[in-house]
């Protein structure tokens, strides 16, 4: 493709020529606090994404999953997200140490609307509320304490367009590479069959969740 054929947008004025300003009600949906409805959604959400960025603007989005109710709501303006064992890169935490601004997207299976939360995060090594985040007998070693600055519901259009919750639209898993196959190819692993890598990953995932 010839770069000259690509029309870029470089100013907000250009953007607004394409996407018109929304009605005031769209801006007003940000309530900047955790109300009863947000508490209900958070309590039923087993999965969320956590967005962070480092000082130079490099972004990271991390999936987080736990039994519903594991994210603690301390009050109308603070919630706590426990850390669980992962790959130990701690990309999100390293970012938060330099840039505390975070974004959360809470999802509830079967619900097409999502809850968006933006705020400032503090990395916590211990606190009394850690006792309330024990899962399967394991107390987290770290948690993110998030001060809510923006909170609003996001409409259903993305989930309706994607048909995410409709199993009949899902691809056959056999048509997709396994994680072991991907790791072997992307990391250049020699001498180990993909099925052996898959078996090891499956054991690690089952035994090192908490």
C-alpha atoms as a PDB file:
ATOM      1  CA  UNK A   1       0.000   0.000   0.000  1.00  0.00           C
ATOM      2  CA  UNK A   2       1.225   3.449  -0.860  1.00  0.00           C
ATOM      3  CA  UNK A   3       1.548   5.590   2.313  1.00  0.00           C
ATOM      4  CA  UNK A   4       0.092   8.527   0.406  1.00  0.00           C
ATOM      5  CA  UNK A   5      -3.191   6.592   0.186  1.00  0.00           C
ATOM      6  CA  UNK A   6      -3.560   6.593   3.973  1.00  0.00           C
ATOM      7  CA  UNK A   7      -5.484   9.548   5.362  1.00  0.00           C
ATOM      8  CA  UNK A   8      -4.419  10.161   8.951  1.00  0.00           C
ATOM      9  CA  UNK A   9      -6.155  12.153  11.675  1.00  0.00           C
ATOM     10  CA  UNK A  10      -3.780  14.349  13.692  1.00  0.00           C
ATOM     11  CA  UNK A  11      -5.982  16.841  15.549  1.00  0.00           C
ATOM     12  CA  UNK A  12      -9.142  16.669  17.603  1.00  0.00           C
ATOM     13  CA  UNK A  13     -10.773  19.108  15.198  1.00  0.00           C
ATOM     14  CA  UNK A  14     -10.186  16.654  12.340  1.00  0.00           C
ATOM     15  CA  UNK A  15     -11.548  13.868  14.497  1.00  0.00           C
ATOM     16  CA  UNK A  16     -14.711  15.832  15.235  1.00  0.00           C
ATOM     17  CA  UNK A  17     -15.258  16.396  11.528  1.00  0.00           C
ATOM     18  CA  UNK A  18     -15.712  12.628  11.269  1.00  0.00           C
ATOM     19  CA  UNK A  19     -17.265  11.800  14.651  1.00  0.00           C
ATOM     20  CA  UNK A  20     -19.639  14.491  15.846  1.00  0.00           C
ATOM     21  CA  UNK A  21     -19.729  15.633  19.471  1.00  0.00           C
ATOM     22  CA  UNK A  22     -21.993  13.364  21.561  1.00  0.00           C
ATOM     23  CA  UNK A  23     -24.968  14.705  23.511  1.00  0.00           C
ATOM     24  CA  UNK A  24     -24.293  15.962  27.027  1.00  0.00           C
ATOM     25  CA  UNK A  25     -25.936  12.866  28.506  1.00  0.00           C
ATOM     26  CA  UNK A  26     -23.011  10.754  27.250  1.00  0.00           C
ATOM     27  CA  UNK A  27     -20.559  12.882  29.217  1.00  0.00           C
ATOM     28  CA  UNK A  28     -22.854  12.926  32.246  1.00  0.00           C
ATOM     29  CA  UNK A  29     -22.865   9.121  32.599  1.00  0.00           C
ATOM     30  CA  UNK A  30     -19.493   9.336  34.398  1.00  0.00           C
ATOM     31  CA  UNK A  31     -20.482   9.313  38.080  1.00  0.00           C
ATOM     32  CA  UNK A  32     -16.891   9.083  39.469  1.00  0.00           C
ATOM     33  CA  UNK A  33     -17.968   6.834  42.344  1.00  0.00           C
ATOM     34  CA  UNK A  34     -18.890   3.230  43.047  1.00  0.00           C
ATOM     35  CA  UNK A  35     -22.665   3.229  43.411  1.00  0.00           C
ATOM     36  CA  UNK A  36     -24.909   0.264  44.222  1.00  0.00           C
ATOM     37  CA  UNK A  37     -25.134  -0.830  40.565  1.00  0.00           C
ATOM     38  CA  UNK A  38     -21.367  -0.722  40.080  1.00  0.00           C
ATOM     39  CA  UNK A  39     -20.938  -2.711  43.293  1.00  0.00           C
ATOM     40  CA  UNK A  40     -23.319  -5.373  41.967  1.00  0.00           C
ATOM     41  CA  UNK A  41     -21.457  -5.690  38.671  1.00  0.00           C
ATOM     42  CA  UNK A  42     -18.056  -5.820  40.376  1.00  0.00           C
ATOM     43  CA  UNK A  43     -19.366  -8.484  42.773  1.00  0.00           C
ATOM     44  CA  UNK A  44     -20.499 -10.658  39.843  1.00  0.00           C
ATOM     45  CA  UNK A  45     -17.480 -10.098  37.586  1.00  0.00           C
ATOM     46  CA  UNK A  46     -14.954 -12.976  37.363  1.00  0.00           C
ATOM     47  CA  UNK A  47     -12.847 -11.251  34.705  1.00  0.00           C
ATOM     48  CA  UNK A  48     -11.474  -7.786  34.000  1.00  0.00           C
ATOM     49  CA  UNK A  49      -8.733  -6.116  32.020  1.00  0.00           C
ATOM     50  CA  UNK A  50      -6.208  -3.765  33.604  1.00  0.00           C
ATOM     51  CA  UNK A  51      -4.652  -1.059  31.434  1.00  0.00           C
ATOM     52  CA  UNK A  52      -1.468   0.749  32.480  1.00  0.00           C
ATOM     53  CA  UNK A  53       1.258   2.757  30.794  1.00  0.00           C
ATOM     54  CA  UNK A  54       4.819   3.714  31.592  1.00  0.00           C
ATOM     55  CA  UNK A  55       6.126   7.307  31.604  1.00  0.00           C
ATOM     56  CA  UNK A  56       6.948   7.307  27.881  1.00  0.00           C
ATOM     57  CA  UNK A  57       3.377   6.270  27.016  1.00  0.00           C
ATOM     58  CA  UNK A  58       4.037   2.613  26.218  1.00  0.00           C
ATOM     59  CA  UNK A  59       0.815   0.791  27.123  1.00  0.00           C
ATOM     60  CA  UNK A  60       0.011  -2.611  28.562  1.00  0.00           C
ATOM     61  CA  UNK A  61      -3.321  -4.403  29.016  1.00  0.00           C
ATOM     62  CA  UNK A  62      -3.400  -7.374  31.365  1.00  0.00           C
ATOM     63  CA  UNK A  63      -6.244  -9.904  31.846  1.00  0.00           C
ATOM     64  CA  UNK A  64      -7.221 -10.590  35.450  1.00  0.00           C
ATOM     65  CA  UNK A  65      -9.481 -13.403  36.606  1.00  0.00           C
ATOM     66  CA  UNK A  66     -10.740 -14.543  39.997  1.00  0.00           C
ATOM     67  CA  UNK A  67     -13.942 -15.978  41.488  1.00  0.00           C
ATOM     68  CA  UNK A  68     -16.753 -13.394  41.439  1.00  0.00           C
ATOM     69  CA  UNK A  69     -16.590 -11.163  44.504  1.00  0.00           C
ATOM     70  CA  UNK A  70     -12.800 -11.246  44.769  1.00  0.00           C
ATOM     71  CA  UNK A  71     -12.394  -7.566  43.893  1.00  0.00           C
ATOM     72  CA  UNK A  72     -12.988  -5.677  47.131  1.00  0.00           C
ATOM     73  CA  UNK A  73     -14.940  -2.440  47.265  1.00  0.00           C
ATOM     74  CA  UNK A  74     -13.715  -0.526  50.326  1.00  0.00           C
ATOM     75  CA  UNK A  75     -16.008   2.483  49.929  1.00  0.00           C
ATOM     76  CA  UNK A  76     -17.590   4.650  47.240  1.00  0.00           C
ATOM     77  CA  UNK A  77     -14.206   5.714  45.878  1.00  0.00           C
ATOM     78  CA  UNK A  78     -11.779   2.826  46.482  1.00  0.00           C
ATOM     79  CA  UNK A  79     -11.489  -0.755  45.307  1.00  0.00           C
ATOM     80  CA  UNK A  80      -8.765  -3.369  45.673  1.00  0.00           C
ATOM     81  CA  UNK A  81      -7.523  -5.859  43.086  1.00  0.00           C
ATOM     82  CA  UNK A  82      -5.475  -8.806  44.394  1.00  0.00           C
ATOM     83  CA  UNK A  83      -2.456 -10.125  42.532  1.00  0.00           C
ATOM     84  CA  UNK A  84      -2.242 -13.830  41.731  1.00  0.00           C
ATOM     85  CA  UNK A  85       0.692 -15.942  40.485  1.00  0.00           C
ATOM     86  CA  UNK A  86       1.634 -15.217  36.876  1.00  0.00           C
ATOM     87  CA  UNK A  87       4.705 -15.013  34.675  1.00  0.00           C
ATOM     88  CA  UNK A  88       6.498 -12.671  37.134  1.00  0.00           C
ATOM     89  CA  UNK A  89       7.106  -9.976  34.495  1.00  0.00           C
ATOM     90  CA  UNK A  90       4.919  -7.664  36.640  1.00  0.00           C
ATOM     91  CA  UNK A  91       4.499  -5.305  33.683  1.00  0.00           C
ATOM     92  CA  UNK A  92       1.439  -3.648  35.217  1.00  0.00           C
ATOM     93  CA  UNK A  93       3.074  -3.110  38.590  1.00  0.00           C
ATOM     94  CA  UNK A  94       6.280  -1.713  37.105  1.00  0.00           C
ATOM     95  CA  UNK A  95       4.162   0.745  35.139  1.00  0.00           C
ATOM     96  CA  UNK A  96       2.124   1.776  38.180  1.00  0.00           C
ATOM     97  CA  UNK A  97       5.292   2.562  40.123  1.00  0.00           C
ATOM     98  CA  UNK A  98       6.120   5.208  37.514  1.00  0.00           C
ATOM     99  CA  UNK A  99       2.639   6.194  36.328  1.00  0.00           C
ATOM    100  CA  UNK A 100      -0.292   5.512  38.692  1.00  0.00           C
ATOM    101  CA  UNK A 101      -3.057   6.071  36.126  1.00  0.00           C
ATOM    102  CA  UNK A 102      -4.964   2.853  35.351  1.00  0.00           C
ATOM    103  CA  UNK A 103      -8.067   1.748  33.461  1.00  0.00           C
ATOM    104  CA  UNK A 104     -10.275  -1.232  34.316  1.00  0.00           C
ATOM    105  CA  UNK A 105     -12.935  -2.974  32.244  1.00  0.00           C
ATOM    106  CA  UNK A 106     -15.209  -5.302  34.231  1.00  0.00           C
ATOM    107  CA  UNK A 107     -17.055  -8.056  32.376  1.00  0.00           C
ATOM    108  CA  UNK A 108     -19.864 -10.369  33.510  1.00  0.00           C
ATOM    109  CA  UNK A 109     -20.490 -13.539  31.463  1.00  0.00           C
ATOM    110  CA  UNK A 110     -23.630 -13.180  29.381  1.00  0.00           C
ATOM    111  CA  UNK A 111     -23.896  -9.443  30.020  1.00  0.00           C
ATOM    112  CA  UNK A 112     -23.254  -7.303  26.945  1.00  0.00           C
ATOM    113  CA  UNK A 113     -22.663  -4.079  28.857  1.00  0.00           C
ATOM    114  CA  UNK A 114     -19.364  -3.508  30.656  1.00  0.00           C
ATOM    115  CA  UNK A 115     -18.254  -1.322  33.547  1.00  0.00           C
ATOM    116  CA  UNK A 116     -15.374   1.075  32.914  1.00  0.00           C
ATOM    117  CA  UNK A 117     -13.301   2.446  35.772  1.00  0.00           C
ATOM    118  CA  UNK A 118     -10.381   4.861  35.542  1.00  0.00           C
ATOM    119  CA  UNK A 119      -8.317   6.041  38.466  1.00  0.00           C
ATOM    120  CA  UNK A 120      -5.033   6.149  40.343  1.00  0.00           C
ATOM    121  CA  UNK A 121      -3.423   2.981  41.666  1.00  0.00           C
ATOM    122  CA  UNK A 122      -1.121   2.346  44.595  1.00  0.00           C
ATOM    123  CA  UNK A 123       0.833  -0.913  44.853  1.00  0.00           C
ATOM    124  CA  UNK A 124       0.319  -2.422  48.313  1.00  0.00           C
ATOM    125  CA  UNK A 125       2.468  -5.151  49.917  1.00  0.00           C
ATOM    126  CA  UNK A 126       0.238  -5.753  52.946  1.00  0.00           C
ATOM    127  CA  UNK A 127      -2.888  -4.399  54.621  1.00  0.00           C
ATOM    128  CA  UNK A 128      -5.684  -5.731  56.837  1.00  0.00           C
ATOM    129  CA  UNK A 129      -7.923  -6.222  53.792  1.00  0.00           C
ATOM    130  CA  UNK A 130      -5.504  -8.843  52.413  1.00  0.00           C
ATOM    131  CA  UNK A 131      -7.226 -11.293  54.758  1.00  0.00           C
ATOM    132  CA  UNK A 132     -10.455 -10.715  52.822  1.00  0.00           C
ATOM    133  CA  UNK A 133      -8.782 -11.631  49.509  1.00  0.00           C
ATOM    134  CA  UNK A 134      -7.739 -15.164  50.437  1.00  0.00           C
ATOM    135  CA  UNK A 135      -8.754 -17.671  47.737  1.00  0.00           C
ATOM    136  CA  UNK A 136      -8.251 -21.420  48.191  1.00  0.00           C
ATOM    137  CA  UNK A 137      -6.253 -20.728  51.331  1.00  0.00           C
ATOM    138  CA  UNK A 138      -3.764 -18.440  49.556  1.00  0.00           C
ATOM    139  CA  UNK A 139      -3.267 -14.851  50.694  1.00  0.00           C
ATOM    140  CA  UNK A 140      -2.030 -12.484  47.962  1.00  0.00           C
ATOM    141  CA  UNK A 141       1.452 -11.013  48.241  1.00  0.00           C
ATOM    142  CA  UNK A 142       0.517  -7.802  46.428  1.00  0.00           C
ATOM    143  CA  UNK A 143      -2.592  -5.820  45.555  1.00  0.00           C
ATOM    144  CA  UNK A 144      -3.571  -2.672  43.713  1.00  0.00           C
ATOM    145  CA  UNK A 145      -5.502  -0.098  45.704  1.00  0.00           C
ATOM    146  CA  UNK A 146      -7.368   2.006  43.155  1.00  0.00           C
ATOM    147  CA  UNK A 147      -8.867   5.421  43.796  1.00  0.00           C
ATOM    148  CA  UNK A 148     -11.780   5.790  41.382  1.00  0.00           C
ATOM    149  CA  UNK A 149     -11.772   8.999  39.339  1.00  0.00           C
ATOM    150  CA  UNK A 150     -14.102   7.977  36.517  1.00  0.00           C
ATOM    151  CA  UNK A 151     -16.774   5.268  36.456  1.00  0.00           C
ATOM    152  CA  UNK A 152     -19.425   4.639  33.851  1.00  0.00           C
ATOM    153  CA  UNK A 153     -21.242   1.915  31.957  1.00  0.00           C
ATOM    154  CA  UNK A 154     -20.261   1.059  28.392  1.00  0.00           C
ATOM    155  CA  UNK A 155     -23.022   0.109  25.979  1.00  0.00           C
ATOM    156  CA  UNK A 156     -23.592  -3.331  24.460  1.00  0.00           C
ATOM    157  CA  UNK A 157     -22.665  -2.612  20.825  1.00  0.00           C
ATOM    158  CA  UNK A 158     -19.171  -4.166  20.858  1.00  0.00           C
ATOM    159  CA  UNK A 159     -20.417  -7.409  22.409  1.00  0.00           C
ATOM    160  CA  UNK A 160     -23.437  -7.552  20.131  1.00  0.00           C
ATOM    161  CA  UNK A 161     -21.277  -7.039  17.036  1.00  0.00           C
ATOM    162  CA  UNK A 162     -18.787  -9.680  18.162  1.00  0.00           C
ATOM    163  CA  UNK A 163     -21.400 -12.198  19.400  1.00  0.00           C
ATOM    164  CA  UNK A 164     -18.884 -12.951  22.127  1.00  0.00           C
ATOM    165  CA  UNK A 165     -21.260 -14.833  24.397  1.00  0.00           C
ATOM    166  CA  UNK A 166     -22.788 -16.976  21.631  1.00  0.00           C
ATOM    167  CA  UNK A 167     -21.015 -20.378  21.535  1.00  0.00           C
ATOM    168  CA  UNK A 168     -22.433 -21.128  18.087  1.00  0.00           C
ATOM    169  CA  UNK A 169     -20.234 -18.335  16.671  1.00  0.00           C
ATOM    170  CA  UNK A 170     -17.028 -19.533  18.315  1.00  0.00           C
ATOM    171  CA  UNK A 171     -14.292 -21.010  16.088  1.00  0.00           C
ATOM    172  CA  UNK A 172     -13.450 -24.683  16.314  1.00  0.00           C
ATOM    173  CA  UNK A 173     -10.528 -24.876  18.747  1.00  0.00           C
ATOM    174  CA  UNK A 174      -8.876 -27.376  16.404  1.00  0.00           C
ATOM    175  CA  UNK A 175      -8.519 -24.600  13.817  1.00  0.00           C
ATOM    176  CA  UNK A 176      -6.321 -22.591  16.207  1.00  0.00           C
ATOM    177  CA  UNK A 177      -2.743 -23.344  17.284  1.00  0.00           C
ATOM    178  CA  UNK A 178      -2.185 -24.513  20.842  1.00  0.00           C
ATOM    179  CA  UNK A 179      -0.266 -22.341  23.297  1.00  0.00           C
ATOM    180  CA  UNK A 180       2.589 -24.869  23.146  1.00  0.00           C
ATOM    181  CA  UNK A 181       2.739 -24.604  19.354  1.00  0.00           C
ATOM    182  CA  UNK A 182       2.790 -20.815  19.553  1.00  0.00           C
ATOM    183  CA  UNK A 183       5.487 -20.785  22.241  1.00  0.00           C
ATOM    184  CA  UNK A 184       7.637 -23.238  20.327  1.00  0.00           C
ATOM    185  CA  UNK A 185       7.495 -21.195  17.124  1.00  0.00           C
ATOM    186  CA  UNK A 186       7.714 -17.706  18.584  1.00  0.00           C
ATOM    187  CA  UNK A 187      10.486 -18.513  21.059  1.00  0.00           C
ATOM    188  CA  UNK A 188      12.424 -20.827  18.755  1.00  0.00           C
ATOM    189  CA  UNK A 189      12.290 -23.786  21.152  1.00  0.00           C
ATOM    190  CA  UNK A 190      14.231 -26.693  19.672  1.00  0.00           C
ATOM    191  CA  UNK A 191      14.068 -30.397  20.462  1.00  0.00           C
ATOM    192  CA  UNK A 192      10.812 -30.294  22.442  1.00  0.00           C
ATOM    193  CA  UNK A 193       7.524 -31.260  20.746  1.00  0.00           C
ATOM    194  CA  UNK A 194       4.672 -28.764  21.057  1.00  0.00           C
ATOM    195  CA  UNK A 195       2.500 -31.393  22.770  1.00  0.00           C
ATOM    196  CA  UNK A 196       5.093 -31.746  25.550  1.00  0.00           C
ATOM    197  CA  UNK A 197       5.092 -27.978  26.079  1.00  0.00           C
ATOM    198  CA  UNK A 198       1.290 -27.996  26.144  1.00  0.00           C
ATOM    199  CA  UNK A 199       1.260 -30.745  28.777  1.00  0.00           C
ATOM    200  CA  UNK A 200       3.683 -28.822  30.983  1.00  0.00           C
ATOM    201  CA  UNK A 201       1.720 -25.599  30.618  1.00  0.00           C
ATOM    202  CA  UNK A 202      -1.529 -27.364  31.478  1.00  0.00           C
ATOM    203  CA  UNK A 203      -0.045 -28.772  34.688  1.00  0.00           C
ATOM    204  CA  UNK A 204       1.404 -25.396  35.676  1.00  0.00           C
ATOM    205  CA  UNK A 205      -1.898 -23.638  35.027  1.00  0.00           C
ATOM    206  CA  UNK A 206      -3.830 -26.131  37.167  1.00  0.00           C
ATOM    207  CA  UNK A 207      -1.400 -26.217  40.086  1.00  0.00           C
ATOM    208  CA  UNK A 208      -0.201 -22.608  40.302  1.00  0.00           C
ATOM    209  CA  UNK A 209      -3.388 -20.518  40.164  1.00  0.00           C
ATOM    210  CA  UNK A 210      -3.109 -19.129  43.706  1.00  0.00           C
END
